[in-house]
Amino acid sequence: MNREVLVVLHSGRATNRRTAAAVAQRLAASGIRLRVLKNEWVEVDDGNLPPEMAPRMVDGKPGCAEGAEVVLVLGGDGTLLRAAEMARPVGVPLLGVNLGRVGFLAEAEQESLDEALDAIVEGRYEVEERMVLDAVARRNGDVLARTWALNEATVEKASRERILEVVLEVDGRPVSAFGCDGVICATPTGSTAYAFSAGGPLVWPQVEALLLVPSNAHALFARPMVIAPDSQVAIEVDATGPPAVLETDGRRTVALPPGARVELARGSVPVRMVRLDGQPFADRLVRKFDLPVRGWRGAPQTGG
């Protein structure tokens, strides 16, 4: 049976499509067949591959990665979050190659694509598990929706005209109430995304925690909070105020009527991600955010 790798592609750029074609040729030469999404691959010219190695088309639904060794993501963070929907239900690890701008979730850059492909061919990589959030939206005890997030779940006002009034609850106890544009609940993986833009802290991926970050809050006590990973968090929307919306990873949206309640907790099924070189998270921060480190001398050398 052929080895298979699912490729999820940001196909909107010609350079990305050429990169995908080169990946197909390289992996086919090593006996690895691609599984691809038909709508992404329609404009990719992958050459004259032998019939038994021609990419196999799949529908992109959750779980379509089942049986693949790796989900190879060619794009940016948005493409990886989309790919996570396909990989998470069946436990297949994601390997992101950044073809976008920041690409914080990606493990490799385009210039190191060859090394990433070598690692797939040789099975020379490690896999780590990333914490996710499970979210349940309720109103009057009735479940409106269940969803999940790798980066963050946000409760935000549905229109610009009115302030959203919320109450935050942690482990069954009220913590704070205020008016705001929204509240972000993020994982450590998501700490570098929307939560960071809203003033939240950067959290190393090895730290297990939940983050609560208010967005444009009108209150004295509305600071970001770092919460125990197994805590139960709830965000209640004022019953007399405007409606809100729940978004997870900017991809899945649930309308929240006044009086809705969103319950958030550590997810039972993590996302698995490939690690290639064990690069420290600090190095990734410096590279991705172009942080100034001039003047660093490091630890002093000691004599033997």
C-alpha atoms as a PDB file:
ATOM      1  CA  MET A   1       0.000   0.000   0.000  1.00  0.00           C
ATOM      2  CA  ASN A   2       1.308   3.439  -0.925  1.00  0.00           C
ATOM      3  CA  ARG A   3       2.320   5.867   1.732  1.00  0.00           C
ATOM      4  CA  GLU A   4       0.131   8.966   1.564  1.00  0.00           C
ATOM      5  CA  VAL A   5       0.408  12.585   2.631  1.00  0.00           C
ATOM      6  CA  LEU A   6      -2.570  14.956   2.587  1.00  0.00           C
ATOM      7  CA  VAL A   7      -1.640  18.355   1.153  1.00  0.00           C
ATOM      8  CA  VAL A   8      -3.727  21.397   2.082  1.00  0.00           C
ATOM      9  CA  LEU A   9      -2.828  24.322  -0.155  1.00  0.00           C
ATOM     10  CA  HIS A  10      -3.403  28.057  -0.267  1.00  0.00           C
ATOM     11  CA  SER A  11      -3.991  27.893  -4.006  1.00  0.00           C
ATOM     12  CA  GLY A  12      -4.693  31.565  -4.675  1.00  0.00           C
ATOM     13  CA  ARG A  13      -1.111  32.347  -5.712  1.00  0.00           C
ATOM     14  CA  ALA A  14       0.652  30.975  -8.774  1.00  0.00           C
ATOM     15  CA  THR A  15       3.892  30.582  -6.810  1.00  0.00           C
ATOM     16  CA  ASN A  16       2.097  28.390  -4.264  1.00  0.00           C
ATOM     17  CA  ARG A  17       0.695  26.202  -7.024  1.00  0.00           C
ATOM     18  CA  ARG A  18       4.171  25.754  -8.511  1.00  0.00           C
ATOM     19  CA  THR A  19       5.493  24.847  -5.065  1.00  0.00           C
ATOM     20  CA  ALA A  20       2.714  22.261  -4.687  1.00  0.00           C
ATOM     21  CA  ALA A  21       3.588  20.743  -8.079  1.00  0.00           C
ATOM     22  CA  ALA A  22       7.228  20.418  -7.036  1.00  0.00           C
ATOM     23  CA  VAL A  23       6.136  18.754  -3.764  1.00  0.00           C
ATOM     24  CA  ALA A  24       4.048  16.227  -5.714  1.00  0.00           C
ATOM     25  CA  GLN A  25       7.017  15.334  -7.921  1.00  0.00           C
ATOM     26  CA  ARG A  26       9.441  15.086  -5.004  1.00  0.00           C
ATOM     27  CA  LEU A  27       7.242  12.881  -2.830  1.00  0.00           C
ATOM     28  CA  ALA A  28       6.123  10.683  -5.742  1.00  0.00           C
ATOM     29  CA  ALA A  29       9.777  10.011  -6.548  1.00  0.00           C
ATOM     30  CA  SER A  30      10.116   8.706  -2.979  1.00  0.00           C
ATOM     31  CA  GLY A  31       7.049   6.474  -3.227  1.00  0.00           C
ATOM     32  CA  ILE A  32       4.678   8.794  -1.356  1.00  0.00           C
ATOM     33  CA  ARG A  33       1.356   9.584  -2.983  1.00  0.00           C
ATOM     34  CA  LEU A  34      -0.493  12.818  -2.359  1.00  0.00           C
ATOM     35  CA  ARG A  35      -4.054  13.152  -1.179  1.00  0.00           C
ATOM     36  CA  VAL A  36      -5.367  16.571  -2.217  1.00  0.00           C
ATOM     37  CA  LEU A  37      -8.494  18.706  -2.198  1.00  0.00           C
ATOM     38  CA  LYS A  38     -10.016  18.820  -5.661  1.00  0.00           C
ATOM     39  CA  ASN A  39     -10.958  22.497  -5.594  1.00  0.00           C
ATOM     40  CA  GLU A  40      -7.379  23.435  -4.586  1.00  0.00           C
ATOM     41  CA  TRP A  41      -5.615  21.197  -7.073  1.00  0.00           C
ATOM     42  CA  VAL A  42      -7.558  22.052 -10.228  1.00  0.00           C
ATOM     43  CA  GLU A  43      -4.931  24.574 -11.405  1.00  0.00           C
ATOM     44  CA  VAL A  44      -1.853  22.709 -10.193  1.00  0.00           C
ATOM     45  CA  ASP A  45       0.227  21.221 -13.020  1.00  0.00           C
ATOM     46  CA  ASP A  46       1.934  18.298 -11.307  1.00  0.00           C
ATOM     47  CA  GLY A  47       3.459  16.892 -14.516  1.00  0.00           C
ATOM     48  CA  ASN A  48       3.178  13.385 -15.852  1.00  0.00           C
ATOM     49  CA  LEU A  49       3.124  11.314 -12.703  1.00  0.00           C
ATOM     50  CA  PRO A  50       2.559   7.573 -13.164  1.00  0.00           C
ATOM     51  CA  PRO A  51      -1.129   6.668 -12.698  1.00  0.00           C
ATOM     52  CA  GLU A  52      -0.514   4.866  -9.437  1.00  0.00           C
ATOM     53  CA  MET A  53       1.104   8.019  -7.995  1.00  0.00           C
ATOM     54  CA  ALA A  54      -1.394  10.568  -9.299  1.00  0.00           C
ATOM     55  CA  PRO A  55      -2.841  12.661  -6.454  1.00  0.00           C
ATOM     56  CA  ARG A  56      -6.011  11.224  -4.947  1.00  0.00           C
ATOM     57  CA  MET A  57      -8.864  13.702  -4.611  1.00  0.00           C
ATOM     58  CA  VAL A  58     -10.750  14.076  -1.299  1.00  0.00           C
ATOM     59  CA  ASP A  59     -13.583  16.338  -0.156  1.00  0.00           C
ATOM     60  CA  GLY A  60     -11.860  18.250   2.638  1.00  0.00           C
ATOM     61  CA  LYS A  61     -14.385  17.233   5.289  1.00  0.00           C
ATOM     62  CA  PRO A  62     -13.297  16.624   8.903  1.00  0.00           C
ATOM     63  CA  GLY A  63     -11.513  13.295   9.091  1.00  0.00           C
ATOM     64  CA  CYS A  64     -10.515  13.142   5.412  1.00  0.00           C
ATOM     65  CA  ALA A  65      -6.881  12.847   6.576  1.00  0.00           C
ATOM     66  CA  GLU A  66      -7.501   9.398   8.020  1.00  0.00           C
ATOM     67  CA  GLY A  67      -4.719   7.009   7.004  1.00  0.00           C
ATOM     68  CA  ALA A  68      -2.327   9.760   5.909  1.00  0.00           C
ATOM     69  CA  GLU A  69       1.055   9.958   7.613  1.00  0.00           C
ATOM     70  CA  VAL A  70       1.087  13.763   7.779  1.00  0.00           C
ATOM     71  CA  VAL A  71      -1.037  16.712   6.682  1.00  0.00           C
ATOM     72  CA  LEU A  72       1.386  18.969   4.812  1.00  0.00           C
ATOM     73  CA  VAL A  73       0.110  22.551   4.878  1.00  0.00           C
ATOM     74  CA  LEU A  74       1.386  24.878   2.163  1.00  0.00           C
ATOM     75  CA  GLY A  75       0.229  28.382   3.080  1.00  0.00           C
ATOM     76  CA  GLY A  76      -0.139  30.567   6.138  1.00  0.00           C
ATOM     77  CA  ASP A  77      -1.786  30.273   9.537  1.00  0.00           C
ATOM     78  CA  GLY A  78      -5.296  30.440   8.079  1.00  0.00           C
ATOM     79  CA  THR A  79      -4.549  27.461   5.857  1.00  0.00           C
ATOM     80  CA  LEU A  80      -3.182  25.520   8.827  1.00  0.00           C
ATOM     81  CA  LEU A  81      -6.268  26.262  10.919  1.00  0.00           C
ATOM     82  CA  ARG A  82      -8.398  24.966   8.040  1.00  0.00           C
ATOM     83  CA  ALA A  83      -6.257  21.843   7.785  1.00  0.00           C
ATOM     84  CA  ALA A  84      -6.606  21.246  11.525  1.00  0.00           C
ATOM     85  CA  GLU A  85     -10.319  20.587  10.967  1.00  0.00           C
ATOM     86  CA  MET A  86      -9.394  17.650   8.716  1.00  0.00           C
ATOM     87  CA  ALA A  87      -6.554  16.275  10.836  1.00  0.00           C
ATOM     88  CA  ARG A  88      -7.729  16.616  14.440  1.00  0.00           C
ATOM     89  CA  PRO A  89     -10.584  14.055  14.418  1.00  0.00           C
ATOM     90  CA  VAL A  90      -8.236  11.284  13.252  1.00  0.00           C
ATOM     91  CA  GLY A  91      -5.048  12.284  15.082  1.00  0.00           C
ATOM     92  CA  VAL A  92      -2.896  12.940  12.001  1.00  0.00           C
ATOM     93  CA  PRO A  93      -0.091  15.465  12.672  1.00  0.00           C
ATOM     94  CA  LEU A  94       0.145  18.783  10.833  1.00  0.00           C
ATOM     95  CA  LEU A  95       3.337  20.073   9.244  1.00  0.00           C
ATOM     96  CA  GLY A  96       3.048  23.698   8.190  1.00  0.00           C
ATOM     97  CA  VAL A  97       5.299  25.266   5.568  1.00  0.00           C
ATOM     98  CA  ASN A  98       4.859  29.021   5.584  1.00  0.00           C
ATOM     99  CA  LEU A  99       4.132  30.492   2.165  1.00  0.00           C
ATOM    100  CA  GLY A 100       2.438  33.558   3.636  1.00  0.00           C
ATOM    101  CA  ARG A 101       3.671  36.404   5.814  1.00  0.00           C
ATOM    102  CA  VAL A 102       4.156  35.719   9.531  1.00  0.00           C
ATOM    103  CA  GLY A 103       2.972  32.103   9.542  1.00  0.00           C
ATOM    104  CA  PHE A 104       3.503  31.664  13.273  1.00  0.00           C
ATOM    105  CA  LEU A 105       1.983  28.172  13.350  1.00  0.00           C
ATOM    106  CA  ALA A 106       4.213  26.880  10.559  1.00  0.00           C
ATOM    107  CA  GLU A 107       7.161  24.671  11.416  1.00  0.00           C
ATOM    108  CA  ALA A 108       9.160  25.442   8.257  1.00  0.00           C
ATOM    109  CA  GLU A 109       9.687  28.325   5.849  1.00  0.00           C
ATOM    110  CA  GLN A 110       9.674  28.029   2.069  1.00  0.00           C
ATOM    111  CA  GLU A 111      13.472  28.097   1.942  1.00  0.00           C
ATOM    112  CA  SER A 112      13.596  25.004   4.166  1.00  0.00           C
ATOM    113  CA  LEU A 113      10.914  23.073   2.254  1.00  0.00           C
ATOM    114  CA  ASP A 114      13.422  20.519   0.942  1.00  0.00           C
ATOM    115  CA  GLU A 115      14.524  19.671   4.478  1.00  0.00           C
ATOM    116  CA  ALA A 116      10.889  19.313   5.554  1.00  0.00           C
ATOM    117  CA  LEU A 117      10.183  16.928   2.685  1.00  0.00           C
ATOM    118  CA  ASP A 118      13.304  14.912   3.543  1.00  0.00           C
ATOM    119  CA  ALA A 119      12.010  14.594   7.096  1.00  0.00           C
ATOM    120  CA  ILE A 120       8.677  13.253   5.821  1.00  0.00           C
ATOM    121  CA  VAL A 121      10.322  10.769   3.481  1.00  0.00           C
ATOM    122  CA  GLU A 122      12.663   9.495   6.190  1.00  0.00           C
ATOM    123  CA  GLY A 123      10.120   9.686   9.015  1.00  0.00           C
ATOM    124  CA  ARG A 124      12.589  11.890  10.869  1.00  0.00           C
ATOM    125  CA  TYR A 125      10.413  14.164  12.958  1.00  0.00           C
ATOM    126  CA  GLU A 126       8.741  14.442  16.327  1.00  0.00           C
ATOM    127  CA  VAL A 127       5.095  15.082  17.104  1.00  0.00           C
ATOM    128  CA  GLU A 128       3.789  17.261  19.925  1.00  0.00           C
ATOM    129  CA  GLU A 129       0.235  17.730  21.123  1.00  0.00           C
ATOM    130  CA  ARG A 130      -1.298  21.191  21.276  1.00  0.00           C
ATOM    131  CA  MET A 131      -4.072  22.018  23.699  1.00  0.00           C
ATOM    132  CA  VAL A 132      -7.431  23.031  22.213  1.00  0.00           C
ATOM    133  CA  LEU A 133     -10.634  24.587  23.547  1.00  0.00           C
ATOM    134  CA  ASP A 134     -14.065  22.997  23.535  1.00  0.00           C
ATOM    135  CA  ALA A 135     -16.897  25.523  23.463  1.00  0.00           C
ATOM    136  CA  VAL A 136     -20.603  25.066  24.154  1.00  0.00           C
ATOM    137  CA  ALA A 137     -23.112  27.858  23.562  1.00  0.00           C
ATOM    138  CA  ARG A 138     -26.348  27.678  25.583  1.00  0.00           C
ATOM    139  CA  ARG A 139     -29.443  29.747  26.247  1.00  0.00           C
ATOM    140  CA  ASN A 140     -31.909  28.896  28.997  1.00  0.00           C
ATOM    141  CA  GLY A 141     -30.218  25.529  29.327  1.00  0.00           C
ATOM    142  CA  ASP A 142     -30.689  24.599  25.670  1.00  0.00           C
ATOM    143  CA  VAL A 143     -27.552  23.894  23.615  1.00  0.00           C
ATOM    144  CA  LEU A 144     -27.222  26.262  20.663  1.00  0.00           C
ATOM    145  CA  ALA A 145     -23.962  24.819  19.306  1.00  0.00           C
ATOM    146  CA  ARG A 146     -20.811  22.908  20.131  1.00  0.00           C
ATOM    147  CA  THR A 147     -17.493  23.833  18.560  1.00  0.00           C
ATOM    148  CA  TRP A 148     -13.747  23.932  19.245  1.00  0.00           C
ATOM    149  CA  ALA A 149     -10.636  26.068  18.670  1.00  0.00           C
ATOM    150  CA  LEU A 150      -6.898  25.610  18.361  1.00  0.00           C
ATOM    151  CA  ASN A 151      -6.090  29.344  18.708  1.00  0.00           C
ATOM    152  CA  GLU A 152      -9.018  31.097  20.354  1.00  0.00           C
ATOM    153  CA  ALA A 153     -12.734  31.360  20.925  1.00  0.00           C
ATOM    154  CA  THR A 154     -14.132  34.885  20.962  1.00  0.00           C
ATOM    155  CA  VAL A 155     -17.448  36.296  22.120  1.00  0.00           C
ATOM    156  CA  GLU A 156     -17.925  39.623  20.355  1.00  0.00           C
ATOM    157  CA  LYS A 157     -20.678  42.128  19.800  1.00  0.00           C
ATOM    158  CA  ALA A 158     -22.697  41.449  16.671  1.00  0.00           C
ATOM    159  CA  SER A 159     -22.953  45.124  15.650  1.00  0.00           C
ATOM    160  CA  ARG A 160     -20.784  48.199  16.117  1.00  0.00           C
ATOM    161  CA  GLU A 161     -23.512  50.409  17.572  1.00  0.00           C
ATOM    162  CA  ARG A 162     -23.790  49.001  21.098  1.00  0.00           C
ATOM    163  CA  ILE A 163     -21.413  47.862  23.808  1.00  0.00           C
ATOM    164  CA  LEU A 164     -21.527  44.196  24.737  1.00  0.00           C
ATOM    165  CA  GLU A 165     -22.175  43.625  28.448  1.00  0.00           C
ATOM    166  CA  VAL A 166     -20.698  40.377  29.777  1.00  0.00           C
ATOM    167  CA  VAL A 167     -20.033  38.548  33.023  1.00  0.00           C
ATOM    168  CA  LEU A 168     -16.957  36.317  33.301  1.00  0.00           C
ATOM    169  CA  GLU A 169     -17.142  33.133  35.358  1.00  0.00           C
ATOM    170  CA  VAL A 170     -14.285  30.839  36.383  1.00  0.00           C
ATOM    171  CA  ASP A 171     -14.934  27.473  38.030  1.00  0.00           C
ATOM    172  CA  GLY A 172     -18.543  28.334  38.777  1.00  0.00           C
ATOM    173  CA  ARG A 173     -17.837  31.709  40.411  1.00  0.00           C
ATOM    174  CA  PRO A 174     -18.307  35.220  38.947  1.00  0.00           C
ATOM    175  CA  VAL A 175     -15.040  37.123  38.462  1.00  0.00           C
ATOM    176  CA  SER A 176     -15.848  40.352  36.659  1.00  0.00           C
ATOM    177  CA  ALA A 177     -18.543  42.133  34.670  1.00  0.00           C
ATOM    178  CA  PHE A 178     -17.995  44.933  32.166  1.00  0.00           C
ATOM    179  CA  GLY A 179     -18.911  46.410  28.823  1.00  0.00           C
ATOM    180  CA  CYS A 180     -16.571  45.619  25.934  1.00  0.00           C
ATOM    181  CA  ASP A 181     -16.188  44.854  22.259  1.00  0.00           C
ATOM    182  CA  GLY A 182     -15.618  41.219  23.172  1.00  0.00           C
ATOM    183  CA  VAL A 183     -13.733  38.631  25.201  1.00  0.00           C
ATOM    184  CA  ILE A 184     -11.071  36.285  23.857  1.00  0.00           C
ATOM    185  CA  CYS A 185     -10.366  32.892  25.396  1.00  0.00           C
ATOM    186  CA  ALA A 186      -7.111  31.575  23.950  1.00  0.00           C
ATOM    187  CA  THR A 187      -4.838  28.582  24.215  1.00  0.00           C
ATOM    188  CA  PRO A 188      -1.059  28.946  24.556  1.00  0.00           C
ATOM    189  CA  THR A 189      -0.838  28.254  20.815  1.00  0.00           C
ATOM    190  CA  GLY A 190      -3.243  31.135  20.210  1.00  0.00           C
ATOM    191  CA  SER A 191      -1.442  33.535  22.530  1.00  0.00           C
ATOM    192  CA  THR A 192       0.531  34.908  19.572  1.00  0.00           C
ATOM    193  CA  ALA A 193      -2.608  35.593  17.515  1.00  0.00           C
ATOM    194  CA  TYR A 194      -5.730  37.656  18.277  1.00  0.00           C
ATOM    195  CA  ALA A 195      -5.153  37.546  22.048  1.00  0.00           C
ATOM    196  CA  PHE A 196      -1.713  39.127  21.627  1.00  0.00           C
ATOM    197  CA  SER A 197      -3.140  41.899  19.429  1.00  0.00           C
ATOM    198  CA  ALA A 198      -5.684  42.632  22.186  1.00  0.00           C
ATOM    199  CA  GLY A 199      -2.955  43.027  24.823  1.00  0.00           C
ATOM    200  CA  GLY A 200      -2.650  39.481  26.109  1.00  0.00           C
ATOM    201  CA  PRO A 201       0.631  37.836  27.156  1.00  0.00           C
ATOM    202  CA  LEU A 202       2.797  35.573  25.040  1.00  0.00           C
ATOM    203  CA  VAL A 203       2.708  32.057  26.455  1.00  0.00           C
ATOM    204  CA  TRP A 204       5.207  29.332  25.628  1.00  0.00           C
ATOM    205  CA  PRO A 205       3.454  26.350  23.961  1.00  0.00           C
ATOM    206  CA  GLN A 206       4.749  23.989  26.674  1.00  0.00           C
ATOM    207  CA  VAL A 207       2.763  25.917  29.298  1.00  0.00           C
ATOM    208  CA  GLU A 208      -0.688  24.498  29.916  1.00  0.00           C
ATOM    209  CA  ALA A 209      -3.114  27.340  30.625  1.00  0.00           C
ATOM    210  CA  LEU A 210      -6.174  29.194  29.396  1.00  0.00           C
ATOM    211  CA  LEU A 211      -6.068  32.923  28.654  1.00  0.00           C
ATOM    212  CA  LEU A 212      -8.957  35.348  29.083  1.00  0.00           C
ATOM    213  CA  VAL A 213      -8.351  38.665  27.314  1.00  0.00           C
ATOM    214  CA  PRO A 214     -11.007  41.426  27.223  1.00  0.00           C
ATOM    215  CA  SER A 215     -11.148  43.480  24.030  1.00  0.00           C
ATOM    216  CA  ASN A 216     -11.619  47.243  24.516  1.00  0.00           C
ATOM    217  CA  ALA A 217     -13.263  46.827  27.904  1.00  0.00           C
ATOM    218  CA  HIS A 218     -14.887  49.745  29.735  1.00  0.00           C
ATOM    219  CA  ALA A 219     -13.831  48.817  33.276  1.00  0.00           C
ATOM    220  CA  LEU A 220     -11.049  49.278  35.825  1.00  0.00           C
ATOM    221  CA  PHE A 221     -10.610  45.539  36.331  1.00  0.00           C
ATOM    222  CA  ALA A 222     -10.557  44.059  32.880  1.00  0.00           C
ATOM    223  CA  ARG A 223      -6.996  42.828  32.571  1.00  0.00           C
ATOM    224  CA  PRO A 224      -5.889  39.618  30.837  1.00  0.00           C
ATOM    225  CA  MET A 225      -6.017  36.571  33.082  1.00  0.00           C
ATOM    226  CA  VAL A 226      -4.026  33.324  32.926  1.00  0.00           C
ATOM    227  CA  ILE A 227      -6.148  30.472  34.237  1.00  0.00           C
ATOM    228  CA  ALA A 228      -5.457  26.873  35.203  1.00  0.00           C
ATOM    229  CA  PRO A 229      -5.724  24.525  32.195  1.00  0.00           C
ATOM    230  CA  ASP A 230      -8.487  22.427  33.735  1.00  0.00           C
ATOM    231  CA  SER A 231     -10.618  25.353  34.875  1.00  0.00           C
ATOM    232  CA  GLN A 232     -14.132  25.806  33.534  1.00  0.00           C
ATOM    233  CA  VAL A 233     -14.716  29.241  32.026  1.00  0.00           C
ATOM    234  CA  ALA A 234     -18.028  30.855  31.057  1.00  0.00           C
ATOM    235  CA  ILE A 235     -18.890  34.119  29.337  1.00  0.00           C
ATOM    236  CA  GLU A 236     -22.459  35.279  29.889  1.00  0.00           C
ATOM    237  CA  VAL A 237     -24.107  37.808  27.563  1.00  0.00           C
ATOM    238  CA  ASP A 238     -26.468  40.306  29.194  1.00  0.00           C
ATOM    239  CA  ALA A 239     -30.095  39.241  28.716  1.00  0.00           C
ATOM    240  CA  THR A 240     -31.218  42.854  28.160  1.00  0.00           C
ATOM    241  CA  GLY A 241     -28.401  43.861  25.820  1.00  0.00           C
ATOM    242  CA  PRO A 242     -27.591  43.338  22.148  1.00  0.00           C
ATOM    243  CA  PRO A 243     -26.891  39.958  20.545  1.00  0.00           C
ATOM    244  CA  ALA A 244     -23.354  38.652  20.190  1.00  0.00           C
ATOM    245  CA  VAL A 245     -21.442  36.155  18.109  1.00  0.00           C
ATOM    246  CA  LEU A 246     -19.131  33.278  19.028  1.00  0.00           C
ATOM    247  CA  GLU A 247     -16.215  32.674  16.656  1.00  0.00           C
ATOM    248  CA  THR A 248     -13.640  29.911  16.921  1.00  0.00           C
ATOM    249  CA  ASP A 249     -10.328  30.358  15.080  1.00  0.00           C
ATOM    250  CA  GLY A 250     -12.094  32.907  12.871  1.00  0.00           C
ATOM    251  CA  ARG A 251     -13.616  29.986  10.961  1.00  0.00           C
ATOM    252  CA  ARG A 252     -16.716  28.763  12.791  1.00  0.00           C
ATOM    253  CA  THR A 253     -19.424  31.221  13.819  1.00  0.00           C
ATOM    254  CA  VAL A 254     -22.419  30.878  16.145  1.00  0.00           C
ATOM    255  CA  ALA A 255     -25.035  33.595  16.635  1.00  0.00           C
ATOM    256  CA  LEU A 256     -25.612  34.346  20.327  1.00  0.00           C
ATOM    257  CA  PRO A 257     -28.958  35.888  21.332  1.00  0.00           C
ATOM    258  CA  PRO A 258     -29.188  38.077  24.440  1.00  0.00           C
ATOM    259  CA  GLY A 259     -28.930  35.918  27.546  1.00  0.00           C
ATOM    260  CA  ALA A 260     -26.672  33.331  25.897  1.00  0.00           C
ATOM    261  CA  ARG A 261     -23.869  31.672  27.805  1.00  0.00           C
ATOM    262  CA  VAL A 262     -20.638  30.275  26.309  1.00  0.00           C
ATOM    263  CA  GLU A 263     -18.868  27.575  28.320  1.00  0.00           C
ATOM    264  CA  LEU A 264     -15.205  26.954  27.562  1.00  0.00           C
ATOM    265  CA  ALA A 265     -12.873  24.210  28.734  1.00  0.00           C
ATOM    266  CA  ARG A 266      -9.799  22.303  27.717  1.00  0.00           C
ATOM    267  CA  GLY A 267     -10.641  20.124  24.743  1.00  0.00           C
ATOM    268  CA  SER A 268     -10.586  16.366  24.978  1.00  0.00           C
ATOM    269  CA  VAL A 269      -8.936  15.872  21.557  1.00  0.00           C
ATOM    270  CA  PRO A 270      -5.687  17.808  20.989  1.00  0.00           C
ATOM    271  CA  VAL A 271      -4.204  18.896  17.667  1.00  0.00           C
ATOM    272  CA  ARG A 272      -0.982  17.058  16.827  1.00  0.00           C
ATOM    273  CA  MET A 273       1.814  19.062  15.196  1.00  0.00           C
ATOM    274  CA  VAL A 274       5.128  18.051  13.669  1.00  0.00           C
ATOM    275  CA  ARG A 275       8.356  19.406  15.116  1.00  0.00           C
ATOM    276  CA  LEU A 276      11.452  19.207  12.943  1.00  0.00           C
ATOM    277  CA  ASP A 277      14.440  20.841  14.590  1.00  0.00           C
ATOM    278  CA  GLY A 278      13.492  21.552  18.196  1.00  0.00           C
ATOM    279  CA  GLN A 279      14.072  25.300  17.689  1.00  0.00           C
ATOM    280  CA  PRO A 280      13.456  27.190  20.950  1.00  0.00           C
ATOM    281  CA  PHE A 281      10.237  29.186  21.089  1.00  0.00           C
ATOM    282  CA  ALA A 282      12.267  32.313  21.929  1.00  0.00           C
ATOM    283  CA  ASP A 283      14.076  32.037  18.589  1.00  0.00           C
ATOM    284  CA  ARG A 284      10.752  31.752  16.794  1.00  0.00           C
ATOM    285  CA  LEU A 285       9.456  34.875  18.544  1.00  0.00           C
ATOM    286  CA  VAL A 286      12.523  36.856  17.531  1.00  0.00           C
ATOM    287  CA  ARG A 287      12.353  35.687  13.915  1.00  0.00           C
ATOM    288  CA  LYS A 288       8.616  36.037  13.357  1.00  0.00           C
ATOM    289  CA  PHE A 289       8.186  39.388  15.124  1.00  0.00           C
ATOM    290  CA  ASP A 290      11.599  40.753  14.126  1.00  0.00           C
ATOM    291  CA  LEU A 291      12.350  41.545  17.762  1.00  0.00           C
ATOM    292  CA  PRO A 292      15.404  43.685  18.604  1.00  0.00           C
ATOM    293  CA  VAL A 293      18.061  41.606  20.374  1.00  0.00           C
ATOM    294  CA  ARG A 294      21.104  43.730  19.604  1.00  0.00           C
ATOM    295  CA  GLY A 295      23.516  43.881  22.530  1.00  0.00           C
ATOM    296  CA  TRP A 296      22.809  40.377  23.831  1.00  0.00           C
ATOM    297  CA  ARG A 297      26.022  38.758  25.094  1.00  0.00           C
ATOM    298  CA  GLY A 298      24.708  35.518  26.518  1.00  0.00           C
ATOM    299  CA  ALA A 299      25.870  33.751  29.669  1.00  0.00           C
ATOM    300  CA  PRO A 300      29.494  34.513  30.596  1.00  0.00           C
ATOM    301  CA  GLN A 301      31.990  31.812  29.791  1.00  0.00           C
ATOM    302  CA  THR A 302      33.545  30.166  32.820  1.00  0.00           C
ATOM    303  CA  GLY A 303      36.968  28.644  33.014  1.00  0.00           C
ATOM    304  CA  GLY A 304      37.464  24.880  33.199  1.00  0.00           C
END
